[in-house]
Amino acid sequence: AEKLLKRLPLLEIVQLREQWFLHYHGEIGNKMSAKLLRLA
């Protein structure tokens, strides 16, 4: 967790979507901004 939290601000939108899938076990729509993805 700590390592990922440090890397989050550096991730691009595609990488954020991958992290979303890994942590929420599902796809995400195209409407969510990178900022909100990072927070979630």
PDB file of all heavy atoms in Angstrom:
ATOM      1  N   ALA A   1       0.813  -1.215   0.000  1.00  0.00           N
ATOM      2  CA  ALA A   1       0.000   0.000   0.000  1.00  0.00           C
ATOM      3  C   ALA A   1       0.848   1.268   0.000  1.00  0.00           C
ATOM      4  O   ALA A   1       0.616   2.181  -0.802  1.00  0.00           O
ATOM      5  CB  ALA A   1      -0.938  -0.008   1.199  1.00  0.00           C
ATOM      6  N   GLU A   2       1.817   1.339   0.863  1.00  0.00           N
ATOM      7  CA  GLU A   2       2.626   2.556   0.984  1.00  0.00           C
ATOM      8  C   GLU A   2       3.363   2.872  -0.320  1.00  0.00           C
ATOM      9  O   GLU A   2       3.407   4.024  -0.764  1.00  0.00           O
ATOM     10  CB  GLU A   2       3.629   2.394   2.127  1.00  0.00           C
ATOM     11  CG  GLU A   2       4.383   3.661   2.455  1.00  0.00           C
ATOM     12  CD  GLU A   2       5.297   3.479   3.657  1.00  0.00           C
ATOM     13  OE1 GLU A   2       4.976   2.660   4.536  1.00  0.00           O
ATOM     14  OE2 GLU A   2       6.332   4.166   3.688  1.00  0.00           O
ATOM     15  N   LYS A   3       3.891   1.839  -0.946  1.00  0.00           N
ATOM     16  CA  LYS A   3       4.628   2.013  -2.204  1.00  0.00           C
ATOM     17  C   LYS A   3       3.694   2.518  -3.308  1.00  0.00           C
ATOM     18  O   LYS A   3       4.030   3.445  -4.046  1.00  0.00           O
ATOM     19  CB  LYS A   3       5.268   0.686  -2.602  1.00  0.00           C
ATOM     20  CG  LYS A   3       6.169   0.765  -3.799  1.00  0.00           C
ATOM     21  CD  LYS A   3       6.824  -0.583  -4.061  1.00  0.00           C
ATOM     22  CE  LYS A   3       7.659  -0.550  -5.322  1.00  0.00           C
ATOM     23  NZ  LYS A   3       8.225  -1.865  -5.629  1.00  0.00           N
ATOM     24  N   LEU A   4       2.512   1.933  -3.395  1.00  0.00           N
ATOM     25  CA  LEU A   4       1.554   2.350  -4.418  1.00  0.00           C
ATOM     26  C   LEU A   4       1.073   3.773  -4.167  1.00  0.00           C
ATOM     27  O   LEU A   4       0.954   4.570  -5.102  1.00  0.00           O
ATOM     28  CB  LEU A   4       0.354   1.398  -4.473  1.00  0.00           C
ATOM     29  CG  LEU A   4      -0.754   1.797  -5.452  1.00  0.00           C
ATOM     30  CD1 LEU A   4      -0.225   1.872  -6.884  1.00  0.00           C
ATOM     31  CD2 LEU A   4      -1.915   0.838  -5.379  1.00  0.00           C
ATOM     32  N   LEU A   5       0.797   4.111  -2.926  1.00  0.00           N
ATOM     33  CA  LEU A   5       0.336   5.467  -2.606  1.00  0.00           C
ATOM     34  C   LEU A   5       1.368   6.518  -3.003  1.00  0.00           C
ATOM     35  O   LEU A   5       1.005   7.612  -3.448  1.00  0.00           O
ATOM     36  CB  LEU A   5      -0.007   5.579  -1.119  1.00  0.00           C
ATOM     37  CG  LEU A   5      -1.245   4.798  -0.667  1.00  0.00           C
ATOM     38  CD1 LEU A   5      -1.381   4.847   0.847  1.00  0.00           C
ATOM     39  CD2 LEU A   5      -2.500   5.291  -1.349  1.00  0.00           C
ATOM     40  N   LYS A   6       2.643   6.194  -2.879  1.00  0.00           N
ATOM     41  CA  LYS A   6       3.697   7.129  -3.287  1.00  0.00           C
ATOM     42  C   LYS A   6       3.758   7.259  -4.807  1.00  0.00           C
ATOM     43  O   LYS A   6       4.084   8.314  -5.327  1.00  0.00           O
ATOM     44  CB  LYS A   6       5.046   6.670  -2.749  1.00  0.00           C
ATOM     45  CG  LYS A   6       5.203   6.915  -1.267  1.00  0.00           C
ATOM     46  CD  LYS A   6       6.553   6.456  -0.776  1.00  0.00           C
ATOM     47  CE  LYS A   6       6.684   6.677   0.723  1.00  0.00           C
ATOM     48  NZ  LYS A   6       7.962   6.180   1.241  1.00  0.00           N
ATOM     49  N   ARG A   7       3.456   6.174  -5.523  1.00  0.00           N
ATOM     50  CA  ARG A   7       3.521   6.179  -6.989  1.00  0.00           C
ATOM     51  C   ARG A   7       2.285   6.772  -7.660  1.00  0.00           C
ATOM     52  O   ARG A   7       2.354   7.206  -8.801  1.00  0.00           O
ATOM     53  CB  ARG A   7       3.683   4.743  -7.520  1.00  0.00           C
ATOM     54  CG  ARG A   7       5.039   4.175  -7.395  1.00  0.00           C
ATOM     55  CD  ARG A   7       5.258   2.830  -8.096  1.00  0.00           C
ATOM     56  NE  ARG A   7       4.097   2.034  -8.448  1.00  0.00           N
ATOM     57  CZ  ARG A   7       3.635   1.878  -9.696  1.00  0.00           C
ATOM     58  NH1 ARG A   7       4.201   2.468 -10.704  1.00  0.00           N
ATOM     59  NH2 ARG A   7       2.582   1.110  -9.922  1.00  0.00           N
ATOM     60  N   LEU A   8       1.153   6.794  -6.969  1.00  0.00           N
ATOM     61  CA  LEU A   8      -0.103   7.232  -7.584  1.00  0.00           C
ATOM     62  C   LEU A   8      -0.032   8.576  -8.314  1.00  0.00           C
ATOM     63  O   LEU A   8      -0.534   8.690  -9.435  1.00  0.00           O
ATOM     64  CB  LEU A   8      -1.232   7.257  -6.552  1.00  0.00           C
ATOM     65  CG  LEU A   8      -2.055   5.995  -6.402  1.00  0.00           C
ATOM     66  CD1 LEU A   8      -3.116   6.183  -5.333  1.00  0.00           C
ATOM     67  CD2 LEU A   8      -2.664   5.532  -7.690  1.00  0.00           C
ATOM     68  N   PRO A   9       0.573   9.604  -7.735  1.00  0.00           N
ATOM     69  CA  PRO A   9       0.607  10.897  -8.439  1.00  0.00           C
ATOM     70  C   PRO A   9       1.361  10.857  -9.765  1.00  0.00           C
ATOM     71  O   PRO A   9       1.168  11.716 -10.623  1.00  0.00           O
ATOM     72  CB  PRO A   9       1.325  11.827  -7.454  1.00  0.00           C
ATOM     73  CG  PRO A   9       1.183  11.169  -6.123  1.00  0.00           C
ATOM     74  CD  PRO A   9       1.135   9.702  -6.390  1.00  0.00           C
ATOM     75  N   LEU A  10       2.211   9.854  -9.956  1.00  0.00           N
ATOM     76  CA  LEU A  10       3.024   9.752 -11.163  1.00  0.00           C
ATOM     77  C   LEU A  10       2.378   8.918 -12.267  1.00  0.00           C
ATOM     78  O   LEU A  10       2.857   8.919 -13.398  1.00  0.00           O
ATOM     79  CB  LEU A  10       4.386   9.137 -10.810  1.00  0.00           C
ATOM     80  CG  LEU A  10       5.148   9.819  -9.667  1.00  0.00           C
ATOM     81  CD1 LEU A  10       6.391   9.028  -9.305  1.00  0.00           C
ATOM     82  CD2 LEU A  10       5.491  11.249 -10.039  1.00  0.00           C
ATOM     83  N   LEU A  11       1.309   8.204 -11.947  1.00  0.00           N
ATOM     84  CA  LEU A  11       0.694   7.297 -12.913  1.00  0.00           C
ATOM     85  C   LEU A  11      -0.133   8.034 -13.958  1.00  0.00           C
ATOM     86  O   LEU A  11      -0.811   9.013 -13.665  1.00  0.00           O
ATOM     87  CB  LEU A  11      -0.192   6.275 -12.197  1.00  0.00           C
ATOM     88  CG  LEU A  11       0.504   5.337 -11.208  1.00  0.00           C
ATOM     89  CD1 LEU A  11      -0.508   4.375 -10.595  1.00  0.00           C
ATOM     90  CD2 LEU A  11       1.630   4.567 -11.874  1.00  0.00           C
ATOM     91  N   GLU A  12      -0.058   7.539 -15.185  1.00  0.00           N
ATOM     92  CA  GLU A  12      -0.868   8.056 -16.284  1.00  0.00           C
ATOM     93  C   GLU A  12      -2.257   7.421 -16.207  1.00  0.00           C
ATOM     94  O   GLU A  12      -2.467   6.424 -15.500  1.00  0.00           O
ATOM     95  CB  GLU A  12      -0.208   7.719 -17.627  1.00  0.00           C
ATOM     96  CG  GLU A  12       1.160   8.342 -17.806  1.00  0.00           C
ATOM     97  CD  GLU A  12       1.101   9.854 -17.917  1.00  0.00           C
ATOM     98  OE1 GLU A  12       0.086  10.389 -18.414  1.00  0.00           O
ATOM     99  OE2 GLU A  12       2.078  10.505 -17.499  1.00  0.00           O
ATOM    100  N   ILE A  13      -3.193   7.960 -16.987  1.00  0.00           N
ATOM    101  CA  ILE A  13      -4.592   7.519 -16.935  1.00  0.00           C
ATOM    102  C   ILE A  13      -4.734   6.019 -17.221  1.00  0.00           C
ATOM    103  O   ILE A  13      -5.524   5.339 -16.567  1.00  0.00           O
ATOM    104  CB  ILE A  13      -5.495   8.369 -17.867  1.00  0.00           C
ATOM    105  CG1 ILE A  13      -6.969   8.106 -17.595  1.00  0.00           C
ATOM    106  CG2 ILE A  13      -5.164   8.121 -19.322  1.00  0.00           C
ATOM    107  CD1 ILE A  13      -7.499   8.778 -16.381  1.00  0.00           C
ATOM    108  N   VAL A  14      -3.963   5.477 -18.163  1.00  0.00           N
ATOM    109  CA  VAL A  14      -4.053   4.042 -18.494  1.00  0.00           C
ATOM    110  C   VAL A  14      -3.618   3.202 -17.294  1.00  0.00           C
ATOM    111  O   VAL A  14      -4.260   2.211 -16.952  1.00  0.00           O
ATOM    112  CB  VAL A  14      -3.203   3.710 -19.742  1.00  0.00           C
ATOM    113  CG1 VAL A  14      -3.146   2.215 -19.981  1.00  0.00           C
ATOM    114  CG2 VAL A  14      -3.755   4.421 -20.969  1.00  0.00           C
ATOM    115  N   GLN A  15      -2.548   3.623 -16.637  1.00  0.00           N
ATOM    116  CA  GLN A  15      -2.065   2.901 -15.460  1.00  0.00           C
ATOM    117  C   GLN A  15      -3.063   3.024 -14.304  1.00  0.00           C
ATOM    118  O   GLN A  15      -3.258   2.069 -13.543  1.00  0.00           O
ATOM    119  CB  GLN A  15      -0.705   3.446 -15.033  1.00  0.00           C
ATOM    120  CG  GLN A  15       0.382   3.219 -16.075  1.00  0.00           C
ATOM    121  CD  GLN A  15       1.600   4.068 -15.806  1.00  0.00           C
ATOM    122  OE1 GLN A  15       1.482   5.261 -15.538  1.00  0.00           O
ATOM    123  NE2 GLN A  15       2.778   3.444 -15.868  1.00  0.00           N
ATOM    124  N   LEU A  16      -3.691   4.189 -14.194  1.00  0.00           N
ATOM    125  CA  LEU A  16      -4.711   4.370 -13.154  1.00  0.00           C
ATOM    126  C   LEU A  16      -5.889   3.439 -13.387  1.00  0.00           C
ATOM    127  O   LEU A  16      -6.428   2.857 -12.445  1.00  0.00           O
ATOM    128  CB  LEU A  16      -5.174   5.824 -13.113  1.00  0.00           C
ATOM    129  CG  LEU A  16      -4.158   6.824 -12.576  1.00  0.00           C
ATOM    130  CD1 LEU A  16      -4.631   8.244 -12.823  1.00  0.00           C
ATOM    131  CD2 LEU A  16      -3.896   6.583 -11.106  1.00  0.00           C
ATOM    132  N   ARG A  17      -6.288   3.296 -14.640  1.00  0.00           N
ATOM    133  CA  ARG A  17      -7.391   2.376 -14.959  1.00  0.00           C
ATOM    134  C   ARG A  17      -7.022   0.936 -14.612  1.00  0.00           C
ATOM    135  O   ARG A  17      -7.856   0.158 -14.148  1.00  0.00           O
ATOM    136  CB  ARG A  17      -7.788   2.494 -16.418  1.00  0.00           C
ATOM    137  CG  ARG A  17      -8.474   3.792 -16.741  1.00  0.00           C
ATOM    138  CD  ARG A  17      -8.780   3.901 -18.236  1.00  0.00           C
ATOM    139  NE  ARG A  17      -9.310   5.207 -18.536  1.00  0.00           N
ATOM    140  CZ  ARG A  17     -10.572   5.566 -18.333  1.00  0.00           C
ATOM    141  NH1 ARG A  17     -11.425   4.702 -17.835  1.00  0.00           N
ATOM    142  NH2 ARG A  17     -10.984   6.776 -18.624  1.00  0.00           N
ATOM    143  N   GLU A  18      -5.770   0.559 -14.834  1.00  0.00           N
ATOM    144  CA  GLU A  18      -5.303  -0.781 -14.456  1.00  0.00           C
ATOM    145  C   GLU A  18      -5.382  -0.977 -12.942  1.00  0.00           C
ATOM    146  O   GLU A  18      -5.820  -2.026 -12.459  1.00  0.00           O
ATOM    147  CB  GLU A  18      -3.866  -0.995 -14.934  1.00  0.00           C
ATOM    148  CG  GLU A  18      -3.730  -1.124 -16.435  1.00  0.00           C
ATOM    149  CD  GLU A  18      -2.276  -1.118 -16.897  1.00  0.00           C
ATOM    150  OE1 GLU A  18      -1.352  -1.020 -16.042  1.00  0.00           O
ATOM    151  OE2 GLU A  18      -2.060  -1.201 -18.119  1.00  0.00           O
ATOM    152  N   GLN A  19      -4.944   0.043 -12.200  1.00  0.00           N
ATOM    153  CA  GLN A  19      -5.004  -0.032 -10.741  1.00  0.00           C
ATOM    154  C   GLN A  19      -6.451  -0.117 -10.259  1.00  0.00           C
ATOM    155  O   GLN A  19      -6.758  -0.831  -9.305  1.00  0.00           O
ATOM    156  CB  GLN A  19      -4.297   1.165 -10.099  1.00  0.00           C
ATOM    157  CG  GLN A  19      -2.801   1.121 -10.234  1.00  0.00           C
ATOM    158  CD  GLN A  19      -2.200  -0.095  -9.550  1.00  0.00           C
ATOM    159  OE1 GLN A  19      -2.609  -0.497  -8.451  1.00  0.00           O
ATOM    160  NE2 GLN A  19      -1.221  -0.710 -10.195  1.00  0.00           N
ATOM    161  N   TRP A  20      -7.332   0.636 -10.923  1.00  0.00           N
ATOM    162  CA  TRP A  20      -8.758   0.567 -10.589  1.00  0.00           C
ATOM    163  C   TRP A  20      -9.245  -0.871 -10.731  1.00  0.00           C
ATOM    164  O   TRP A  20      -9.899  -1.409  -9.854  1.00  0.00           O
ATOM    165  CB  TRP A  20      -9.572   1.489 -11.495  1.00  0.00           C
ATOM    166  CG  TRP A  20     -11.044   1.385 -11.237  1.00  0.00           C
ATOM    167  CD1 TRP A  20     -11.906   0.439 -11.734  1.00  0.00           C
ATOM    168  CD2 TRP A  20     -11.830   2.217 -10.389  1.00  0.00           C
ATOM    169  NE1 TRP A  20     -13.174   0.645 -11.250  1.00  0.00           N
ATOM    170  CE2 TRP A  20     -13.155   1.733 -10.427  1.00  0.00           C
ATOM    171  CE3 TRP A  20     -11.558   3.333  -9.608  1.00  0.00           C
ATOM    172  CZ2 TRP A  20     -14.196   2.319  -9.721  1.00  0.00           C
ATOM    173  CZ3 TRP A  20     -12.590   3.921  -8.914  1.00  0.00           C
ATOM    174  CH2 TRP A  20     -13.888   3.417  -8.971  1.00  0.00           C
ATOM    175  N   PHE A  21      -8.928  -1.481 -11.858  1.00  0.00           N
ATOM    176  CA  PHE A  21      -9.363  -2.854 -12.126  1.00  0.00           C
ATOM    177  C   PHE A  21      -8.833  -3.809 -11.062  1.00  0.00           C
ATOM    178  O   PHE A  21      -9.562  -4.676 -10.570  1.00  0.00           O
ATOM    179  CB  PHE A  21      -8.920  -3.297 -13.524  1.00  0.00           C
ATOM    180  CG  PHE A  21      -9.444  -4.642 -13.906  1.00  0.00           C
ATOM    181  CD1 PHE A  21     -10.737  -4.781 -14.394  1.00  0.00           C
ATOM    182  CD2 PHE A  21      -8.670  -5.776 -13.759  1.00  0.00           C
ATOM    183  CE1 PHE A  21     -11.237  -6.023 -14.729  1.00  0.00           C
ATOM    184  CE2 PHE A  21      -9.162  -7.023 -14.097  1.00  0.00           C
ATOM    185  CZ  PHE A  21     -10.454  -7.152 -14.583  1.00  0.00           C
ATOM    186  N   LEU A  22      -7.568  -3.651 -10.696  1.00  0.00           N
ATOM    187  CA  LEU A  22      -6.960  -4.526  -9.686  1.00  0.00           C
ATOM    188  C   LEU A  22      -7.607  -4.374  -8.312  1.00  0.00           C
ATOM    189  O   LEU A  22      -7.788  -5.354  -7.590  1.00  0.00           O
ATOM    190  CB  LEU A  22      -5.460  -4.232  -9.561  1.00  0.00           C
ATOM    191  CG  LEU A  22      -4.587  -4.669 -10.731  1.00  0.00           C
ATOM    192  CD1 LEU A  22      -3.172  -4.146 -10.537  1.00  0.00           C
ATOM    193  CD2 LEU A  22      -4.584  -6.189 -10.860  1.00  0.00           C
ATOM    194  N   HIS A  23      -7.958  -3.153  -7.947  1.00  0.00           N
ATOM    195  CA  HIS A  23      -8.459  -2.906  -6.601  1.00  0.00           C
ATOM    196  C   HIS A  23      -9.975  -2.982  -6.479  1.00  0.00           C
ATOM    197  O   HIS A  23     -10.502  -3.285  -5.413  1.00  0.00           O
ATOM    198  CB  HIS A  23      -7.953  -1.553  -6.093  1.00  0.00           C
ATOM    199  CG  HIS A  23      -6.501  -1.583  -5.790  1.00  0.00           C
ATOM    200  ND1 HIS A  23      -5.538  -1.302  -6.732  1.00  0.00           N
ATOM    201  CD2 HIS A  23      -5.831  -1.910  -4.667  1.00  0.00           C
ATOM    202  CE1 HIS A  23      -4.348  -1.445  -6.195  1.00  0.00           C
ATOM    203  NE2 HIS A  23      -4.494  -1.804  -4.935  1.00  0.00           N
ATOM    204  N   TYR A  24     -10.694  -2.676  -7.557  1.00  0.00           N
ATOM    205  CA  TYR A  24     -12.157  -2.704  -7.510  1.00  0.00           C
ATOM    206  C   TYR A  24     -12.736  -3.893  -8.271  1.00  0.00           C
ATOM    207  O   TYR A  24     -13.944  -4.084  -8.284  1.00  0.00           O
ATOM    208  CB  TYR A  24     -12.736  -1.395  -8.054  1.00  0.00           C
ATOM    209  CG  TYR A  24     -12.611  -0.239  -7.102  1.00  0.00           C
ATOM    210  CD1 TYR A  24     -11.559   0.659  -7.202  1.00  0.00           C
ATOM    211  CD2 TYR A  24     -13.544  -0.039  -6.099  1.00  0.00           C
ATOM    212  CE1 TYR A  24     -11.444   1.724  -6.332  1.00  0.00           C
ATOM    213  CE2 TYR A  24     -13.441   1.029  -5.222  1.00  0.00           C
ATOM    214  CZ  TYR A  24     -12.387   1.905  -5.348  1.00  0.00           C
ATOM    215  OH  TYR A  24     -12.282   2.962  -4.477  1.00  0.00           O
ATOM    216  N   HIS A  25     -11.893  -4.655  -8.943  1.00  0.00           N
ATOM    217  CA  HIS A  25     -12.306  -5.863  -9.666  1.00  0.00           C
ATOM    218  C   HIS A  25     -13.385  -5.577 -10.706  1.00  0.00           C
ATOM    219  O   HIS A  25     -14.345  -6.325 -10.832  1.00  0.00           O
ATOM    220  CB  HIS A  25     -12.772  -6.954  -8.699  1.00  0.00           C
ATOM    221  CG  HIS A  25     -11.781  -7.246  -7.635  1.00  0.00           C
ATOM    222  ND1 HIS A  25     -10.567  -7.848  -7.886  1.00  0.00           N
ATOM    223  CD2 HIS A  25     -11.789  -6.971  -6.306  1.00  0.00           C
ATOM    224  CE1 HIS A  25      -9.883  -7.951  -6.770  1.00  0.00           C
ATOM    225  NE2 HIS A  25     -10.600  -7.425  -5.788  1.00  0.00           N
ATOM    226  N   GLY A  26     -13.226  -4.505 -11.436  1.00  0.00           N
ATOM    227  CA  GLY A  26     -14.190  -4.176 -12.480  1.00  0.00           C
ATOM    228  C   GLY A  26     -13.701  -3.043 -13.352  1.00  0.00           C
ATOM    229  O   GLY A  26     -12.753  -2.337 -13.020  1.00  0.00           O
ATOM    230  N   GLU A  27     -14.350  -2.895 -14.479  1.00  0.00           N
ATOM    231  CA  GLU A  27     -14.017  -1.825 -15.417  1.00  0.00           C
ATOM    232  C   GLU A  27     -14.564  -0.500 -14.907  1.00  0.00           C
ATOM    233  O   GLU A  27     -15.461  -0.465 -14.079  1.00  0.00           O
ATOM    234  CB  GLU A  27     -14.630  -2.126 -16.795  1.00  0.00           C
ATOM    235  CG  GLU A  27     -14.080  -3.373 -17.462  1.00  0.00           C
ATOM    236  CD  GLU A  27     -12.626  -3.229 -17.883  1.00  0.00           C
ATOM    237  OE1 GLU A  27     -12.203  -2.106 -18.233  1.00  0.00           O
ATOM    238  OE2 GLU A  27     -11.919  -4.244 -17.842  1.00  0.00           O
ATOM    239  N   ILE A  28     -14.042   0.569 -15.452  1.00  0.00           N
ATOM    240  CA  ILE A  28     -14.507   1.906 -15.099  1.00  0.00           C
ATOM    241  C   ILE A  28     -14.840   2.646 -16.390  1.00  0.00           C
ATOM    242  O   ILE A  28     -14.205   2.442 -17.403  1.00  0.00           O
ATOM    243  CB  ILE A  28     -13.448   2.666 -14.286  1.00  0.00           C
ATOM    244  CG1 ILE A  28     -13.993   4.009 -13.865  1.00  0.00           C
ATOM    245  CG2 ILE A  28     -12.187   2.852 -15.060  1.00  0.00           C
ATOM    246  CD1 ILE A  28     -13.288   4.577 -12.689  1.00  0.00           C
ATOM    247  N   GLY A  29     -15.833   3.498 -16.327  1.00  0.00           N
ATOM    248  CA  GLY A  29     -16.225   4.273 -17.498  1.00  0.00           C
ATOM    249  C   GLY A  29     -15.182   5.320 -17.851  1.00  0.00           C
ATOM    250  O   GLY A  29     -14.212   5.532 -17.137  1.00  0.00           O
ATOM    251  N   ASN A  30     -15.395   5.994 -18.956  1.00  0.00           N
ATOM    252  CA  ASN A  30     -14.447   6.996 -19.443  1.00  0.00           C
ATOM    253  C   ASN A  30     -14.641   8.368 -18.814  1.00  0.00           C
ATOM    254  O   ASN A  30     -13.901   9.286 -19.115  1.00  0.00           O
ATOM    255  CB  ASN A  30     -14.564   7.123 -20.963  1.00  0.00           C
ATOM    256  CG  ASN A  30     -14.104   5.871 -21.656  1.00  0.00           C
ATOM    257  OD1 ASN A  30     -13.193   5.211 -21.193  1.00  0.00           O
ATOM    258  ND2 ASN A  30     -14.745   5.533 -22.758  1.00  0.00           N
ATOM    259  N   LYS A  31     -15.637   8.539 -17.982  1.00  0.00           N
ATOM    260  CA  LYS A  31     -15.978   9.857 -17.449  1.00  0.00           C
ATOM    261  C   LYS A  31     -15.149  10.281 -16.246  1.00  0.00           C
ATOM    262  O   LYS A  31     -15.086  11.443 -15.917  1.00  0.00           O
ATOM    263  CB  LYS A  31     -17.462   9.901 -17.054  1.00  0.00           C
ATOM    264  CG  LYS A  31     -18.408   9.584 -18.177  1.00  0.00           C
ATOM    265  CD  LYS A  31     -18.659  10.790 -19.015  1.00  0.00           C
ATOM    266  CE  LYS A  31     -19.694  10.439 -20.075  1.00  0.00           C
ATOM    267  NZ  LYS A  31     -19.888  11.480 -21.003  1.00  0.00           N
ATOM    268  N   MET A  32     -14.506   9.345 -15.552  1.00  0.00           N
ATOM    269  CA  MET A  32     -13.816   9.684 -14.316  1.00  0.00           C
ATOM    270  C   MET A  32     -12.447  10.306 -14.621  1.00  0.00           C
ATOM    271  O   MET A  32     -11.660   9.752 -15.375  1.00  0.00           O
ATOM    272  CB  MET A  32     -13.653   8.453 -13.426  1.00  0.00           C
ATOM    273  CG  MET A  32     -13.251   8.810 -12.009  1.00  0.00           C
ATOM    274  SD  MET A  32     -13.182   7.403 -10.887  1.00  0.00           S
ATOM    275  CE  MET A  32     -14.901   7.181 -10.532  1.00  0.00           C
ATOM    276  N   SER A  33     -12.172  11.458 -14.033  1.00  0.00           N
ATOM    277  CA  SER A  33     -10.907  12.158 -14.250  1.00  0.00           C
ATOM    278  C   SER A  33      -9.760  11.431 -13.550  1.00  0.00           C
ATOM    279  O   SER A  33      -9.970  10.646 -12.624  1.00  0.00           O
ATOM    280  CB  SER A  33     -11.008  13.583 -13.722  1.00  0.00           C
ATOM    281  OG  SER A  33     -11.066  13.576 -12.304  1.00  0.00           O
ATOM    282  N   ALA A  34      -8.548  11.745 -13.970  1.00  0.00           N
ATOM    283  CA  ALA A  34      -7.361  11.154 -13.355  1.00  0.00           C
ATOM    284  C   ALA A  34      -7.294  11.529 -11.872  1.00  0.00           C
ATOM    285  O   ALA A  34      -6.933  10.703 -11.027  1.00  0.00           O
ATOM    286  CB  ALA A  34      -6.100  11.600 -14.087  1.00  0.00           C
ATOM    287  N   LYS A  35      -7.670  12.764 -11.548  1.00  0.00           N
ATOM    288  CA  LYS A  35      -7.634  13.220 -10.155  1.00  0.00           C
ATOM    289  C   LYS A  35      -8.573  12.384  -9.283  1.00  0.00           C
ATOM    290  O   LYS A  35      -8.195  11.926  -8.204  1.00  0.00           O
ATOM    291  CB  LYS A  35      -8.026  14.694 -10.078  1.00  0.00           C
ATOM    292  CG  LYS A  35      -8.000  15.254  -8.677  1.00  0.00           C
ATOM    293  CD  LYS A  35      -8.393  16.714  -8.644  1.00  0.00           C
ATOM    294  CE  LYS A  35      -8.406  17.244  -7.226  1.00  0.00           C
ATOM    295  NZ  LYS A  35      -8.829  18.636  -7.162  1.00  0.00           N
ATOM    296  N   LEU A  36      -9.799  12.179  -9.764  1.00  0.00           N
ATOM    297  CA  LEU A  36     -10.761  11.401  -8.988  1.00  0.00           C
ATOM    298  C   LEU A  36     -10.350   9.929  -8.929  1.00  0.00           C
ATOM    299  O   LEU A  36     -10.513   9.278  -7.902  1.00  0.00           O
ATOM    300  CB  LEU A  36     -12.175  11.542  -9.568  1.00  0.00           C
ATOM    301  CG  LEU A  36     -13.288  10.954  -8.716  1.00  0.00           C
ATOM    302  CD1 LEU A  36     -13.266  11.511  -7.298  1.00  0.00           C
ATOM    303  CD2 LEU A  36     -14.642  11.230  -9.357  1.00  0.00           C
ATOM    304  N   LEU A  37      -9.785   9.405 -10.020  1.00  0.00           N
ATOM    305  CA  LEU A  37      -9.279   8.033 -10.005  1.00  0.00           C
ATOM    306  C   LEU A  37      -8.194   7.869  -8.933  1.00  0.00           C
ATOM    307  O   LEU A  37      -8.215   6.897  -8.177  1.00  0.00           O
ATOM    308  CB  LEU A  37      -8.691   7.665 -11.371  1.00  0.00           C
ATOM    309  CG  LEU A  37      -9.640   7.086 -12.397  1.00  0.00           C
ATOM    310  CD1 LEU A  37      -8.957   7.002 -13.750  1.00  0.00           C
ATOM    311  CD2 LEU A  37     -10.142   5.733 -11.971  1.00  0.00           C
ATOM    312  N   ARG A  38      -7.280   8.826  -8.880  1.00  0.00           N
ATOM    313  CA  ARG A  38      -6.217   8.746  -7.871  1.00  0.00           C
ATOM    314  C   ARG A  38      -6.798   8.736  -6.457  1.00  0.00           C
ATOM    315  O   ARG A  38      -6.375   7.957  -5.608  1.00  0.00           O
ATOM    316  CB  ARG A  38      -5.255   9.923  -8.024  1.00  0.00           C
ATOM    317  CG  ARG A  38      -4.294   9.772  -9.166  1.00  0.00           C
ATOM    318  CD  ARG A  38      -3.267  10.903  -9.231  1.00  0.00           C
ATOM    319  NE  ARG A  38      -2.447  10.733 -10.405  1.00  0.00           N
ATOM    320  CZ  ARG A  38      -2.687  11.333 -11.571  1.00  0.00           C
ATOM    321  NH1 ARG A  38      -3.691  12.165 -11.706  1.00  0.00           N
ATOM    322  NH2 ARG A  38      -1.894  11.105 -12.599  1.00  0.00           N
ATOM    323  N   LEU A  39      -7.773   9.618  -6.221  1.00  0.00           N
ATOM    324  CA  LEU A  39      -8.390   9.678  -4.897  1.00  0.00           C
ATOM    325  C   LEU A  39      -9.107   8.370  -4.559  1.00  0.00           C
ATOM    326  O   LEU A  39      -8.984   7.851  -3.448  1.00  0.00           O
ATOM    327  CB  LEU A  39      -9.379  10.844  -4.829  1.00  0.00           C
ATOM    328  CG  LEU A  39      -8.766  12.239  -4.796  1.00  0.00           C
ATOM    329  CD1 LEU A  39      -9.859  13.296  -4.982  1.00  0.00           C
ATOM    330  CD2 LEU A  39      -8.016  12.466  -3.500  1.00  0.00           C
ATOM    331  N   ALA A  40      -9.862   7.849  -5.512  1.00  0.00           N
ATOM    332  CA  ALA A  40     -10.634   6.619  -5.269  1.00  0.00           C
ATOM    333  C   ALA A  40      -9.711   5.422  -5.050  1.00  0.00           C
ATOM    334  O   ALA A  40      -9.955   4.587  -4.170  1.00  0.00           O
ATOM    335  CB  ALA A  40     -11.589   6.360  -6.432  1.00  0.00           C
TER     336      ALA A  40
END
